[in-house]
Amino acid sequence: LLQYQANVAEFNAARVRERQRVQHPTVKVRSIKKDSPLDASRGITVMMAKSSSLPKAMNQLLNKTKSAAATSKQEGEIKTCIAHNTIIHEALKYLEKSQTSRRYQSEIRDAYKKLSKYPLTFLEKMNLINTSPKDLPGMLCVLDDLGLRFSKEVMDKFEQDCSTLWATKRQRVK
């Protein structure tokens, strides 16, 4: 009985940790069952998740599984994979359109070194590099407590450094 309770407690702790890792509300945590009735279609779904995130292919997969008399659990797992692929696809689309995707690695490294003079977290530096604000209101969107952290002189120097973060306007050749 004690061993059973220990196993149940361990399983529940693992499930709670897994649920806490999920950050997007539409992505559901998959069950941890070893013997799943989805073994045949899961291979297709996993291959789909790794190979492509095109909505047309996802809809074909969903329709193929529906025609094979899929249960609601199977449909839920497929929709979870589709939601995950959609998130990845949209994130990649956004990042390809950002200003930083057209920068050289050396330029990004130099901008990071320039921002390293200031007491900023890694995430704040990354946001400043990605958004590259040119004026004080843009910087305040990223760092709302800028006036509390820095003195007037340091804030003026920080504003000047952020506005000149990118020296030239070279476009990366793709």
N, C-alpha and C. Protein backbone atom coordinates (compact mmCIF):
# COMPACT_ATOMS: atom_id res chain seq x y z
N LEU A 1 0.83 -1.20 0.00
CA LEU A 1 0.00 0.00 0.00
C LEU A 1 0.87 1.26 0.00
N LEU A 2 1.93 1.25 0.81
CA LEU A 2 2.83 2.42 0.84
C LEU A 2 3.54 2.61 -0.50
N GLN A 3 3.94 1.50 -1.12
CA GLN A 3 4.59 1.60 -2.43
C GLN A 3 3.62 2.16 -3.47
N TYR A 4 2.38 1.73 -3.42
CA TYR A 4 1.36 2.25 -4.33
C TYR A 4 1.16 3.75 -4.14
N GLN A 5 1.07 4.20 -2.89
CA GLN A 5 0.91 5.63 -2.61
C GLN A 5 2.12 6.42 -3.08
N ALA A 6 3.31 5.87 -2.93
CA ALA A 6 4.52 6.55 -3.40
C ALA A 6 4.51 6.66 -4.92
N ASN A 7 4.08 5.60 -5.61
CA ASN A 7 4.00 5.64 -7.07
C ASN A 7 2.97 6.66 -7.54
N VAL A 8 1.83 6.72 -6.88
CA VAL A 8 0.79 7.68 -7.24
C VAL A 8 1.28 9.10 -7.00
N ALA A 9 1.95 9.33 -5.89
CA ALA A 9 2.48 10.67 -5.59
C ALA A 9 3.52 11.08 -6.62
N GLU A 10 4.38 10.15 -7.02
CA GLU A 10 5.40 10.45 -8.03
C GLU A 10 4.76 10.76 -9.38
N PHE A 11 3.74 9.98 -9.75
CA PHE A 11 3.03 10.21 -11.00
C PHE A 11 2.34 11.58 -11.00
N ASN A 12 1.67 11.91 -9.89
CA ASN A 12 0.99 13.20 -9.79
C ASN A 12 1.98 14.36 -9.83
N ALA A 13 3.13 14.21 -9.19
CA ALA A 13 4.14 15.27 -9.22
C ALA A 13 4.66 15.48 -10.64
N ALA A 14 4.88 14.39 -11.37
CA ALA A 14 5.34 14.50 -12.76
C ALA A 14 4.28 15.18 -13.62
N ARG A 15 3.02 14.84 -13.39
CA ARG A 15 1.93 15.44 -14.16
C ARG A 15 1.82 16.93 -13.87
N VAL A 16 1.97 17.32 -12.61
CA VAL A 16 1.89 18.74 -12.25
C VAL A 16 3.05 19.50 -12.88
N ARG A 17 4.27 18.92 -12.84
CA ARG A 17 5.41 19.59 -13.46
C ARG A 17 5.20 19.75 -14.95
N GLU A 18 4.65 18.74 -15.60
CA GLU A 18 4.40 18.81 -17.03
C GLU A 18 3.36 19.88 -17.35
N ARG A 19 2.33 19.98 -16.55
CA ARG A 19 1.30 21.00 -16.79
C ARG A 19 1.84 22.40 -16.56
N GLN A 20 2.76 22.56 -15.64
CA GLN A 20 3.32 23.88 -15.37
C GLN A 20 4.22 24.34 -16.50
N ARG A 21 4.79 23.39 -17.26
CA ARG A 21 5.66 23.75 -18.37
C ARG A 21 4.89 24.32 -19.55
N VAL A 22 3.63 23.98 -19.69
CA VAL A 22 2.83 24.46 -20.81
C VAL A 22 2.59 25.95 -20.64
N GLN A 23 2.91 26.71 -21.68
CA GLN A 23 2.80 28.16 -21.57
C GLN A 23 1.73 28.74 -22.46
N HIS A 24 1.24 28.00 -23.40
CA HIS A 24 0.22 28.52 -24.30
C HIS A 24 -1.11 27.87 -23.95
N PRO A 25 -2.20 28.66 -23.84
CA PRO A 25 -3.47 28.10 -23.36
C PRO A 25 -4.09 27.07 -24.29
N THR A 26 -3.78 27.08 -25.59
CA THR A 26 -4.43 26.11 -26.47
C THR A 26 -3.66 24.81 -26.58
N VAL A 27 -2.44 24.77 -26.09
CA VAL A 27 -1.65 23.55 -26.15
C VAL A 27 -1.96 22.72 -24.92
N LYS A 28 -2.38 21.48 -25.14
CA LYS A 28 -2.72 20.60 -24.03
C LYS A 28 -1.58 19.62 -23.80
N VAL A 29 -1.43 19.21 -22.57
CA VAL A 29 -0.39 18.25 -22.22
C VAL A 29 -0.83 16.87 -22.66
N ARG A 30 0.08 16.15 -23.30
CA ARG A 30 -0.23 14.79 -23.72
C ARG A 30 -0.18 13.86 -22.52
N SER A 31 -0.97 12.82 -22.57
CA SER A 31 -0.95 11.84 -21.49
C SER A 31 0.34 11.04 -21.56
N ILE A 32 0.72 10.43 -20.43
CA ILE A 32 1.99 9.71 -20.35
C ILE A 32 1.74 8.20 -20.43
N LYS A 33 0.72 7.78 -21.09
CA LYS A 33 0.41 6.36 -21.18
C LYS A 33 1.39 5.68 -22.13
N LYS A 34 1.78 4.47 -21.79
CA LYS A 34 2.73 3.72 -22.62
C LYS A 34 2.01 3.09 -23.82
N ASP A 35 0.88 2.47 -23.59
CA ASP A 35 0.15 1.79 -24.65
C ASP A 35 -0.98 2.69 -25.11
N SER A 36 -0.76 3.38 -26.20
CA SER A 36 -1.76 4.30 -26.71
C SER A 36 -2.43 3.70 -27.94
N PRO A 37 -3.73 3.91 -28.11
CA PRO A 37 -4.39 3.41 -29.32
C PRO A 37 -3.98 4.20 -30.55
N LEU A 38 -3.15 5.23 -30.37
CA LEU A 38 -2.78 6.09 -31.49
C LEU A 38 -1.42 5.74 -32.07
N ASP A 39 -0.88 4.56 -31.81
CA ASP A 39 0.48 4.26 -32.24
C ASP A 39 0.66 4.45 -33.74
N ALA A 40 -0.30 4.03 -34.54
CA ALA A 40 -0.16 4.17 -35.98
C ALA A 40 -0.28 5.62 -36.41
N SER A 41 -1.29 6.31 -35.91
CA SER A 41 -1.47 7.69 -36.35
C SER A 41 -0.51 8.64 -35.64
N ARG A 42 0.01 8.27 -34.48
CA ARG A 42 0.96 9.14 -33.77
C ARG A 42 2.23 9.30 -34.59
N GLY A 43 2.68 8.24 -35.24
CA GLY A 43 3.87 8.35 -36.09
C GLY A 43 3.66 9.37 -37.18
N ILE A 44 2.48 9.36 -37.78
CA ILE A 44 2.17 10.34 -38.82
C ILE A 44 2.16 11.74 -38.22
N THR A 45 1.57 11.88 -37.05
CA THR A 45 1.48 13.19 -36.41
C THR A 45 2.85 13.72 -36.05
N VAL A 46 3.70 12.87 -35.48
CA VAL A 46 5.04 13.31 -35.09
C VAL A 46 5.84 13.69 -36.31
N MET A 47 5.76 12.89 -37.38
CA MET A 47 6.46 13.24 -38.60
C MET A 47 5.95 14.57 -39.13
N MET A 48 4.67 14.78 -39.04
CA MET A 48 4.07 16.03 -39.50
C MET A 48 4.59 17.19 -38.68
N ALA A 49 4.70 17.01 -37.37
CA ALA A 49 5.16 18.09 -36.51
C ALA A 49 6.60 18.44 -36.78
N LYS A 50 7.43 17.45 -37.14
CA LYS A 50 8.84 17.73 -37.38
C LYS A 50 9.09 18.25 -38.78
N SER A 51 8.33 17.81 -39.75
CA SER A 51 8.66 18.12 -41.13
C SER A 51 8.07 19.42 -41.62
N SER A 52 6.88 19.77 -41.19
CA SER A 52 6.23 20.93 -41.79
C SER A 52 5.21 21.50 -40.82
N SER A 53 4.91 22.76 -41.05
CA SER A 53 3.86 23.37 -40.24
C SER A 53 2.84 24.05 -41.13
N LEU A 54 2.65 23.53 -42.32
CA LEU A 54 1.71 24.11 -43.24
C LEU A 54 0.29 23.74 -42.87
N PRO A 55 -0.60 24.72 -42.81
CA PRO A 55 -1.98 24.43 -42.41
C PRO A 55 -2.69 23.45 -43.35
N LYS A 56 -2.38 23.48 -44.65
CA LYS A 56 -3.04 22.58 -45.59
C LYS A 56 -2.73 21.13 -45.26
N ALA A 57 -1.47 20.85 -44.99
CA ALA A 57 -1.08 19.48 -44.65
C ALA A 57 -1.69 19.05 -43.33
N MET A 58 -1.81 19.97 -42.38
CA MET A 58 -2.41 19.64 -41.09
C MET A 58 -3.89 19.30 -41.26
N ASN A 59 -4.58 20.06 -42.09
CA ASN A 59 -5.99 19.77 -42.33
C ASN A 59 -6.16 18.43 -43.02
N GLN A 60 -5.25 18.08 -43.94
CA GLN A 60 -5.32 16.77 -44.58
C GLN A 60 -5.15 15.66 -43.56
N LEU A 61 -4.21 15.85 -42.64
CA LEU A 61 -3.99 14.85 -41.60
C LEU A 61 -5.22 14.71 -40.71
N LEU A 62 -5.81 15.84 -40.35
CA LEU A 62 -7.00 15.81 -39.52
C LEU A 62 -8.15 15.11 -40.24
N ASN A 63 -8.34 15.41 -41.53
CA ASN A 63 -9.40 14.77 -42.30
C ASN A 63 -9.15 13.28 -42.47
N LYS A 64 -7.90 12.88 -42.67
CA LYS A 64 -7.57 11.47 -42.83
C LYS A 64 -7.89 10.70 -41.56
N THR A 65 -7.58 11.27 -40.42
CA THR A 65 -7.84 10.60 -39.15
C THR A 65 -9.33 10.57 -38.86
N LYS A 66 -10.05 11.62 -39.22
CA LYS A 66 -11.50 11.63 -39.00
C LYS A 66 -12.17 10.55 -39.84
N SER A 67 -11.68 10.37 -41.07
CA SER A 67 -12.29 9.36 -41.92
C SER A 67 -12.00 7.95 -41.42
N ALA A 68 -10.97 7.79 -40.64
CA ALA A 68 -10.64 6.47 -40.09
C ALA A 68 -11.33 6.24 -38.76
N ALA A 69 -12.43 6.90 -38.53
CA ALA A 69 -13.24 6.74 -37.31
C ALA A 69 -12.42 7.03 -36.06
N ALA A 70 -11.86 8.21 -36.00
CA ALA A 70 -11.03 8.60 -34.86
C ALA A 70 -11.91 8.94 -33.66
N THR A 71 -11.39 8.67 -32.51
CA THR A 71 -12.12 9.01 -31.29
C THR A 71 -11.86 10.46 -30.94
N SER A 72 -12.58 10.95 -29.96
CA SER A 72 -12.39 12.35 -29.57
C SER A 72 -11.02 12.56 -28.95
N LYS A 73 -10.48 11.54 -28.30
CA LYS A 73 -9.13 11.66 -27.73
C LYS A 73 -8.10 11.79 -28.84
N GLN A 74 -8.24 11.01 -29.89
CA GLN A 74 -7.32 11.09 -31.02
C GLN A 74 -7.40 12.47 -31.67
N GLU A 75 -8.62 12.96 -31.85
CA GLU A 75 -8.79 14.28 -32.43
C GLU A 75 -8.16 15.35 -31.55
N GLY A 76 -8.29 15.20 -30.24
CA GLY A 76 -7.69 16.16 -29.32
C GLY A 76 -6.18 16.18 -29.42
N GLU A 77 -5.57 15.00 -29.53
CA GLU A 77 -4.12 14.94 -29.66
C GLU A 77 -3.66 15.52 -30.99
N ILE A 78 -4.41 15.30 -32.05
CA ILE A 78 -4.06 15.87 -33.34
C ILE A 78 -4.20 17.39 -33.30
N LYS A 79 -5.27 17.88 -32.69
CA LYS A 79 -5.44 19.33 -32.58
C LYS A 79 -4.33 19.95 -31.74
N THR A 80 -3.84 19.22 -30.73
CA THR A 80 -2.73 19.71 -29.93
C THR A 80 -1.49 19.88 -30.79
N CYS A 81 -1.20 18.89 -31.62
CA CYS A 81 -0.05 19.00 -32.52
C CYS A 81 -0.24 20.14 -33.51
N ILE A 82 -1.45 20.30 -34.00
CA ILE A 82 -1.73 21.38 -34.94
C ILE A 82 -1.55 22.73 -34.26
N ALA A 83 -2.04 22.86 -33.03
CA ALA A 83 -1.89 24.12 -32.31
C ALA A 83 -0.42 24.42 -32.08
N HIS A 84 0.36 23.41 -31.73
CA HIS A 84 1.79 23.60 -31.51
C HIS A 84 2.47 24.03 -32.81
N ASN A 85 2.14 23.37 -33.93
CA ASN A 85 2.73 23.73 -35.21
C ASN A 85 2.34 25.14 -35.62
N THR A 86 1.11 25.54 -35.34
CA THR A 86 0.68 26.89 -35.67
C THR A 86 1.48 27.92 -34.89
N ILE A 87 1.72 27.65 -33.61
CA ILE A 87 2.50 28.56 -32.79
C ILE A 87 3.91 28.69 -33.34
N ILE A 88 4.53 27.56 -33.66
CA ILE A 88 5.89 27.57 -34.21
C ILE A 88 5.92 28.31 -35.53
N HIS A 89 4.95 28.04 -36.39
CA HIS A 89 4.89 28.69 -37.71
C HIS A 89 4.75 30.20 -37.57
N GLU A 90 3.85 30.65 -36.72
CA GLU A 90 3.64 32.09 -36.54
C GLU A 90 4.87 32.76 -35.92
N ALA A 91 5.53 32.08 -34.99
CA ALA A 91 6.74 32.64 -34.38
C ALA A 91 7.84 32.80 -35.41
N LEU A 92 8.02 31.79 -36.26
CA LEU A 92 9.04 31.88 -37.30
C LEU A 92 8.71 32.97 -38.31
N LYS A 93 7.43 33.09 -38.66
CA LYS A 93 7.02 34.15 -39.58
C LYS A 93 7.33 35.53 -39.00
N TYR A 94 7.04 35.71 -37.71
CA TYR A 94 7.31 36.98 -37.05
C TYR A 94 8.81 37.27 -37.00
N LEU A 95 9.60 36.26 -36.65
CA LEU A 95 11.04 36.48 -36.53
C LEU A 95 11.69 36.76 -37.88
N GLU A 96 11.17 36.17 -38.96
CA GLU A 96 11.72 36.45 -40.28
C GLU A 96 11.46 37.88 -40.71
N LYS A 97 10.37 38.48 -40.23
CA LYS A 97 10.04 39.85 -40.59
C LYS A 97 10.72 40.88 -39.69
N SER A 98 11.31 40.43 -38.58
CA SER A 98 11.89 41.39 -37.64
C SER A 98 13.17 42.00 -38.21
N GLN A 99 13.55 43.13 -37.64
CA GLN A 99 14.74 43.84 -38.09
C GLN A 99 16.00 43.03 -37.81
N THR A 100 16.01 42.27 -36.76
CA THR A 100 17.20 41.54 -36.36
C THR A 100 17.54 40.42 -37.33
N SER A 101 16.57 39.91 -38.06
CA SER A 101 16.86 38.82 -38.99
C SER A 101 17.73 39.30 -40.14
N ARG A 102 17.81 40.60 -40.37
CA ARG A 102 18.64 41.15 -41.44
C ARG A 102 19.97 41.68 -40.92
N ARG A 103 20.32 41.38 -39.71
CA ARG A 103 21.58 41.84 -39.12
C ARG A 103 22.64 40.75 -39.21
N TYR A 104 23.87 41.19 -39.23
CA TYR A 104 24.99 40.25 -39.18
C TYR A 104 25.25 39.87 -37.73
N GLN A 105 25.85 38.69 -37.54
CA GLN A 105 26.15 38.23 -36.19
C GLN A 105 27.09 39.19 -35.47
N SER A 106 28.06 39.73 -36.19
CA SER A 106 29.01 40.65 -35.56
C SER A 106 28.31 41.93 -35.09
N GLU A 107 27.33 42.40 -35.85
CA GLU A 107 26.58 43.59 -35.43
C GLU A 107 25.78 43.32 -34.16
N ILE A 108 25.16 42.16 -34.10
CA ILE A 108 24.38 41.80 -32.90
C ILE A 108 25.31 41.65 -31.71
N ARG A 109 26.48 41.04 -31.93
CA ARG A 109 27.45 40.88 -30.85
C ARG A 109 27.93 42.25 -30.34
N ASP A 110 28.20 43.18 -31.27
CA ASP A 110 28.64 44.52 -30.87
C ASP A 110 27.55 45.26 -30.10
N ALA A 111 26.31 45.11 -30.54
CA ALA A 111 25.19 45.76 -29.83
C ALA A 111 25.05 45.18 -28.43
N TYR A 112 25.23 43.87 -28.30
CA TYR A 112 25.14 43.24 -26.97
C TYR A 112 26.26 43.75 -26.06
N LYS A 113 27.47 43.89 -26.62
CA LYS A 113 28.59 44.42 -25.82
C LYS A 113 28.32 45.86 -25.39
N LYS A 114 27.72 46.63 -26.28
CA LYS A 114 27.41 48.03 -25.94
C LYS A 114 26.39 48.10 -24.82
N LEU A 115 25.41 47.19 -24.83
CA LEU A 115 24.38 47.18 -23.79
C LEU A 115 24.88 46.54 -22.49
N SER A 116 25.98 45.80 -22.56
CA SER A 116 26.51 45.13 -21.37
C SER A 116 27.08 46.12 -20.36
N LYS A 117 27.30 47.35 -20.76
CA LYS A 117 27.80 48.37 -19.82
C LYS A 117 26.75 48.73 -18.78
N TYR A 118 25.50 48.44 -19.07
CA TYR A 118 24.40 48.85 -18.21
C TYR A 118 23.87 47.66 -17.41
N PRO A 119 23.33 47.91 -16.22
CA PRO A 119 22.80 46.80 -15.41
C PRO A 119 21.43 46.33 -15.91
N LEU A 120 21.45 45.55 -16.99
CA LEU A 120 20.22 45.03 -17.59
C LEU A 120 20.26 43.52 -17.56
N THR A 121 19.10 42.91 -17.51
CA THR A 121 19.03 41.45 -17.59
C THR A 121 19.23 41.03 -19.04
N PHE A 122 19.48 39.75 -19.24
CA PHE A 122 19.66 39.24 -20.59
C PHE A 122 18.42 39.47 -21.44
N LEU A 123 17.26 39.25 -20.86
CA LEU A 123 16.01 39.42 -21.60
C LEU A 123 15.80 40.87 -22.01
N GLU A 124 16.15 41.80 -21.14
CA GLU A 124 16.01 43.22 -21.49
C GLU A 124 16.96 43.59 -22.62
N LYS A 125 18.19 43.08 -22.58
CA LYS A 125 19.13 43.33 -23.68
C LYS A 125 18.61 42.74 -24.98
N MET A 126 18.08 41.52 -24.91
CA MET A 126 17.56 40.88 -26.10
C MET A 126 16.38 41.67 -26.68
N ASN A 127 15.49 42.16 -25.83
CA ASN A 127 14.36 42.95 -26.31
C ASN A 127 14.82 44.26 -26.93
N LEU A 128 15.82 44.90 -26.34
CA LEU A 128 16.35 46.13 -26.92
C LEU A 128 17.01 45.87 -28.27
N ILE A 129 17.69 44.75 -28.41
CA ILE A 129 18.32 44.41 -29.69
C ILE A 129 17.26 44.08 -30.73
N ASN A 130 16.22 43.35 -30.34
CA ASN A 130 15.17 42.97 -31.30
C ASN A 130 14.33 44.15 -31.74
N THR A 131 13.98 45.03 -30.81
CA THR A 131 13.10 46.14 -31.17
C THR A 131 13.88 47.34 -31.68
N SER A 132 15.12 47.49 -31.26
CA SER A 132 16.00 48.61 -31.59
C SER A 132 15.28 49.96 -31.55
N PRO A 133 14.85 50.37 -30.35
CA PRO A 133 14.16 51.66 -30.24
C PRO A 133 15.13 52.82 -30.49
N LYS A 134 14.62 53.87 -31.11
CA LYS A 134 15.46 55.02 -31.44
C LYS A 134 15.22 56.22 -30.53
N ASP A 135 14.14 56.20 -29.77
CA ASP A 135 13.84 57.35 -28.91
C ASP A 135 13.46 56.86 -27.51
N LEU A 136 13.35 57.80 -26.59
CA LEU A 136 13.08 57.46 -25.20
C LEU A 136 11.74 56.75 -24.99
N PRO A 137 10.65 57.17 -25.65
CA PRO A 137 9.39 56.42 -25.46
C PRO A 137 9.49 54.96 -25.89
N GLY A 138 10.23 54.69 -26.95
CA GLY A 138 10.43 53.30 -27.37
C GLY A 138 11.21 52.50 -26.35
N MET A 139 12.19 53.14 -25.74
CA MET A 139 12.97 52.46 -24.69
C MET A 139 12.13 52.23 -23.45
N LEU A 140 11.24 53.17 -23.15
CA LEU A 140 10.37 53.01 -21.99
C LEU A 140 9.36 51.89 -22.18
N CYS A 141 9.04 51.56 -23.44
CA CYS A 141 8.16 50.42 -23.69
C CYS A 141 8.83 49.12 -23.27
N VAL A 142 10.14 49.05 -23.44
CA VAL A 142 10.88 47.84 -23.06
C VAL A 142 11.26 47.88 -21.58
N LEU A 143 11.72 49.03 -21.11
CA LEU A 143 12.15 49.19 -19.72
C LEU A 143 11.30 50.26 -19.06
N ASP A 144 10.24 49.85 -18.40
CA ASP A 144 9.33 50.83 -17.82
C ASP A 144 9.90 51.51 -16.58
N ASP A 145 10.88 50.91 -15.92
CA ASP A 145 11.46 51.52 -14.72
C ASP A 145 12.83 52.14 -15.00
N LEU A 146 13.01 52.63 -16.21
CA LEU A 146 14.29 53.21 -16.63
C LEU A 146 14.68 54.40 -15.77
N GLY A 147 13.73 55.27 -15.47
CA GLY A 147 14.01 56.46 -14.66
C GLY A 147 14.38 56.13 -13.23
N LEU A 148 13.89 55.01 -12.72
CA LEU A 148 14.22 54.61 -11.35
C LEU A 148 15.58 53.95 -11.25
N ARG A 149 15.99 53.28 -12.30
CA ARG A 149 17.26 52.55 -12.27
C ARG A 149 18.47 53.43 -12.51
N PHE A 150 18.34 54.35 -13.46
CA PHE A 150 19.50 55.12 -13.89
C PHE A 150 19.39 56.57 -13.46
N SER A 151 20.55 57.20 -13.26
CA SER A 151 20.57 58.64 -13.00
C SER A 151 20.35 59.36 -14.33
N LYS A 152 20.21 60.66 -14.26
CA LYS A 152 19.94 61.46 -15.47
C LYS A 152 21.08 61.34 -16.48
N GLU A 153 22.33 61.40 -15.98
CA GLU A 153 23.48 61.32 -16.89
C GLU A 153 23.57 59.95 -17.55
N VAL A 154 23.38 58.91 -16.75
CA VAL A 154 23.45 57.54 -17.28
C VAL A 154 22.30 57.30 -18.26
N MET A 155 21.14 57.85 -17.95
CA MET A 155 19.99 57.68 -18.84
C MET A 155 20.23 58.38 -20.18
N ASP A 156 20.85 59.57 -20.16
CA ASP A 156 21.18 60.25 -21.42
C ASP A 156 22.17 59.43 -22.25
N LYS A 157 23.18 58.88 -21.58
CA LYS A 157 24.18 58.05 -22.27
C LYS A 157 23.51 56.78 -22.81
N PHE A 158 22.62 56.18 -22.03
CA PHE A 158 21.90 54.98 -22.45
C PHE A 158 21.03 55.28 -23.67
N GLU A 159 20.35 56.41 -23.65
CA GLU A 159 19.51 56.79 -24.79
C GLU A 159 20.36 56.99 -26.04
N GLN A 160 21.52 57.60 -25.87
CA GLN A 160 22.41 57.82 -27.01
C GLN A 160 22.93 56.48 -27.54
N ASP A 161 23.32 55.58 -26.64
CA ASP A 161 23.82 54.27 -27.07
C ASP A 161 22.73 53.47 -27.78
N CYS A 162 21.51 53.51 -27.28
CA CYS A 162 20.42 52.76 -27.92
C CYS A 162 20.07 53.33 -29.28
N SER A 163 20.14 54.63 -29.43
CA SER A 163 19.80 55.22 -30.72
C SER A 163 20.88 54.95 -31.76
N THR A 164 22.11 54.70 -31.31
CA THR A 164 23.20 54.39 -32.24
C THR A 164 23.61 52.92 -32.13
N LEU A 165 22.69 52.07 -31.77
CA LEU A 165 23.00 50.65 -31.59
C LEU A 165 23.44 50.01 -32.90
N TRP A 166 22.81 50.39 -33.97
CA TRP A 166 23.15 49.85 -35.29
C TRP A 166 23.83 50.95 -36.08
N ALA A 167 25.11 50.77 -36.37
CA ALA A 167 25.92 51.82 -36.99
C ALA A 167 25.47 52.13 -38.41
N THR A 168 25.42 51.14 -39.26
CA THR A 168 25.06 51.38 -40.66
C THR A 168 23.80 50.61 -41.00
N LYS A 169 23.20 50.98 -42.11
CA LYS A 169 21.97 50.30 -42.53
C LYS A 169 22.28 49.34 -43.68
N ARG A 170 23.12 48.36 -43.42
CA ARG A 170 23.41 47.34 -44.43
C ARG A 170 22.29 46.32 -44.41
N GLN A 171 21.95 45.85 -45.57
CA GLN A 171 20.94 44.80 -45.66
C GLN A 171 21.64 43.48 -45.94
N ARG A 172 21.23 42.48 -45.26
CA ARG A 172 21.83 41.16 -45.43
C ARG A 172 21.37 40.57 -46.75
N VAL A 173 22.30 40.02 -47.49
CA VAL A 173 21.97 39.38 -48.76
C VAL A 173 21.54 37.95 -48.46
N LYS A 174 20.35 37.59 -48.94
CA LYS A 174 19.82 36.25 -48.66
C LYS A 174 20.07 35.33 -49.81
